N, C-alpha and C. Protein backbone atom coordinates (compact mmCIF):
# COMPACT_ATOMS: atom_id res chain seq x y z
N MET A 1 111.57 105.64 87.70
CA MET A 1 111.11 106.99 87.49
C MET A 1 110.67 107.53 88.85
N LYS A 2 111.01 108.77 89.10
CA LYS A 2 110.65 109.40 90.37
C LYS A 2 110.02 110.76 90.08
N VAL A 3 108.93 111.04 90.76
CA VAL A 3 108.26 112.34 90.64
C VAL A 3 108.27 112.97 92.02
N GLN A 4 108.71 114.23 92.07
CA GLN A 4 108.65 114.99 93.31
C GLN A 4 107.79 116.22 93.07
N VAL A 5 106.94 116.51 94.05
CA VAL A 5 106.13 117.72 94.01
C VAL A 5 106.76 118.69 95.00
N LEU A 6 107.17 119.84 94.48
CA LEU A 6 107.83 120.85 95.30
C LEU A 6 106.89 122.02 95.55
N LEU A 7 106.94 122.57 96.73
CA LEU A 7 106.19 123.78 97.06
C LEU A 7 107.21 124.86 97.38
N ARG A 8 107.17 125.93 96.63
CA ARG A 8 108.08 127.04 96.86
C ARG A 8 107.24 128.30 96.99
N THR A 9 107.34 128.93 98.13
CA THR A 9 106.60 130.17 98.36
C THR A 9 107.58 131.33 98.34
N GLU A 10 107.05 132.50 98.12
CA GLU A 10 107.89 133.69 98.01
C GLU A 10 108.74 133.86 99.26
N GLY A 11 110.03 134.00 99.04
CA GLY A 11 110.94 134.24 100.14
C GLY A 11 111.34 133.01 100.92
N GLU A 12 110.91 131.81 100.49
CA GLU A 12 111.26 130.58 101.21
C GLU A 12 111.84 129.56 100.24
N LEU A 13 112.59 128.62 100.78
CA LEU A 13 113.16 127.56 99.97
C LEU A 13 112.08 126.57 99.56
N ALA A 14 112.32 125.88 98.47
CA ALA A 14 111.39 124.84 98.01
C ALA A 14 111.40 123.68 99.00
N VAL A 15 110.24 123.09 99.19
CA VAL A 15 110.08 121.95 100.10
C VAL A 15 109.41 120.83 99.32
N VAL A 16 109.92 119.62 99.46
CA VAL A 16 109.28 118.46 98.84
C VAL A 16 108.04 118.14 99.67
N VAL A 17 106.87 118.23 99.04
CA VAL A 17 105.63 117.95 99.74
C VAL A 17 104.98 116.65 99.29
N GLY A 18 105.61 115.99 98.35
CA GLY A 18 105.12 114.69 97.90
C GLY A 18 106.10 114.09 96.92
N GLU A 19 106.17 112.77 96.93
CA GLU A 19 107.01 112.10 95.96
C GLU A 19 106.52 110.67 95.79
N ALA A 20 106.81 110.14 94.62
CA ALA A 20 106.42 108.77 94.30
C ALA A 20 107.42 108.19 93.31
N GLU A 21 107.53 106.89 93.33
CA GLU A 21 108.40 106.20 92.38
C GLU A 21 107.59 105.13 91.67
N GLY A 22 107.93 104.91 90.41
CA GLY A 22 107.25 103.88 89.63
C GLY A 22 108.09 103.51 88.42
N GLU A 23 107.64 102.50 87.73
CA GLU A 23 108.38 102.00 86.58
C GLU A 23 107.97 102.68 85.27
N THR A 24 106.70 103.10 85.15
CA THR A 24 106.21 103.65 83.89
C THR A 24 105.46 104.95 84.14
N TRP A 25 105.32 105.74 83.06
CA TRP A 25 104.59 106.99 83.17
C TRP A 25 103.11 106.74 83.50
N PRO A 26 102.43 105.77 82.87
CA PRO A 26 101.04 105.52 83.26
C PRO A 26 100.88 105.18 84.74
N GLU A 27 101.85 104.46 85.28
CA GLU A 27 101.83 104.15 86.70
C GLU A 27 101.95 105.44 87.53
N MET A 28 102.83 106.34 87.10
CA MET A 28 103.01 107.59 87.82
C MET A 28 101.77 108.47 87.72
N GLN A 29 101.09 108.42 86.58
CA GLN A 29 99.88 109.22 86.41
C GLN A 29 98.80 108.84 87.40
N THR A 30 98.81 107.62 87.89
CA THR A 30 97.79 107.21 88.85
C THR A 30 98.02 107.82 90.23
N VAL A 31 99.26 108.17 90.56
CA VAL A 31 99.55 108.74 91.88
C VAL A 31 99.61 110.27 91.86
N LEU A 32 99.74 110.84 90.68
CA LEU A 32 99.88 112.30 90.58
C LEU A 32 98.71 113.07 91.19
N PRO A 33 97.47 112.70 90.95
CA PRO A 33 96.36 113.45 91.56
C PRO A 33 96.44 113.49 93.09
N ALA A 34 96.83 112.39 93.70
CA ALA A 34 96.94 112.36 95.16
C ALA A 34 98.07 113.27 95.64
N LEU A 35 99.17 113.29 94.90
CA LEU A 35 100.29 114.16 95.27
C LEU A 35 99.87 115.63 95.18
N LEU A 36 99.18 115.98 94.12
CA LEU A 36 98.74 117.37 93.95
C LEU A 36 97.67 117.74 94.96
N ARG A 37 96.80 116.79 95.33
CA ARG A 37 95.80 117.05 96.36
C ARG A 37 96.50 117.33 97.68
N GLY A 38 97.60 116.63 97.94
CA GLY A 38 98.37 116.87 99.16
C GLY A 38 98.90 118.29 99.22
N VAL A 39 99.34 118.81 98.08
CA VAL A 39 99.81 120.20 98.03
C VAL A 39 98.64 121.13 98.33
N ALA A 40 97.51 120.89 97.70
CA ALA A 40 96.34 121.74 97.93
C ALA A 40 95.92 121.71 99.39
N ASP A 41 95.92 120.54 100.00
CA ASP A 41 95.55 120.43 101.42
C ASP A 41 96.50 121.23 102.30
N ARG A 42 97.77 121.16 101.96
CA ARG A 42 98.78 121.87 102.75
C ARG A 42 98.59 123.39 102.64
N VAL A 43 98.30 123.86 101.44
CA VAL A 43 98.07 125.29 101.23
C VAL A 43 96.80 125.73 101.93
N GLU A 44 95.73 124.96 101.78
CA GLU A 44 94.45 125.30 102.38
C GLU A 44 94.51 125.30 103.90
N ALA A 45 95.39 124.52 104.47
CA ALA A 45 95.53 124.45 105.93
C ALA A 45 95.99 125.78 106.52
N HIS A 46 96.58 126.62 105.68
CA HIS A 46 97.09 127.90 106.15
C HIS A 46 96.10 129.04 105.92
N GLY A 47 94.88 128.70 105.61
CA GLY A 47 93.86 129.72 105.42
C GLY A 47 93.15 129.53 104.10
N GLU A 48 92.12 130.31 103.90
CA GLU A 48 91.32 130.21 102.70
C GLU A 48 92.13 130.60 101.47
N VAL A 49 91.94 129.86 100.40
CA VAL A 49 92.62 130.13 99.16
C VAL A 49 91.56 130.62 98.16
N PRO A 50 91.64 131.88 97.76
CA PRO A 50 90.64 132.41 96.80
C PRO A 50 90.65 131.61 95.51
N ASP A 51 89.48 131.33 94.98
CA ASP A 51 89.31 130.64 93.71
C ASP A 51 89.88 129.23 93.68
N ALA A 52 90.06 128.60 94.83
CA ALA A 52 90.58 127.23 94.87
C ALA A 52 89.46 126.25 94.53
N ALA A 53 89.82 125.25 93.77
CA ALA A 53 88.85 124.20 93.44
C ALA A 53 88.66 123.31 94.66
N PRO A 54 87.47 122.75 94.81
CA PRO A 54 87.23 121.87 95.98
C PRO A 54 88.01 120.57 95.87
């Protein structure tokens, strides 16, 4: 099983910003928060994000 986190912004192509592979869904669920945090970090690096969770 493979999970990819894509970031697509208006007017730009989608970019893979995180991915993980595992054998089971529970295994994948353990890495998903880190992948999503990586997306948030990448977005926040480009300036303040209104209403963003810490």
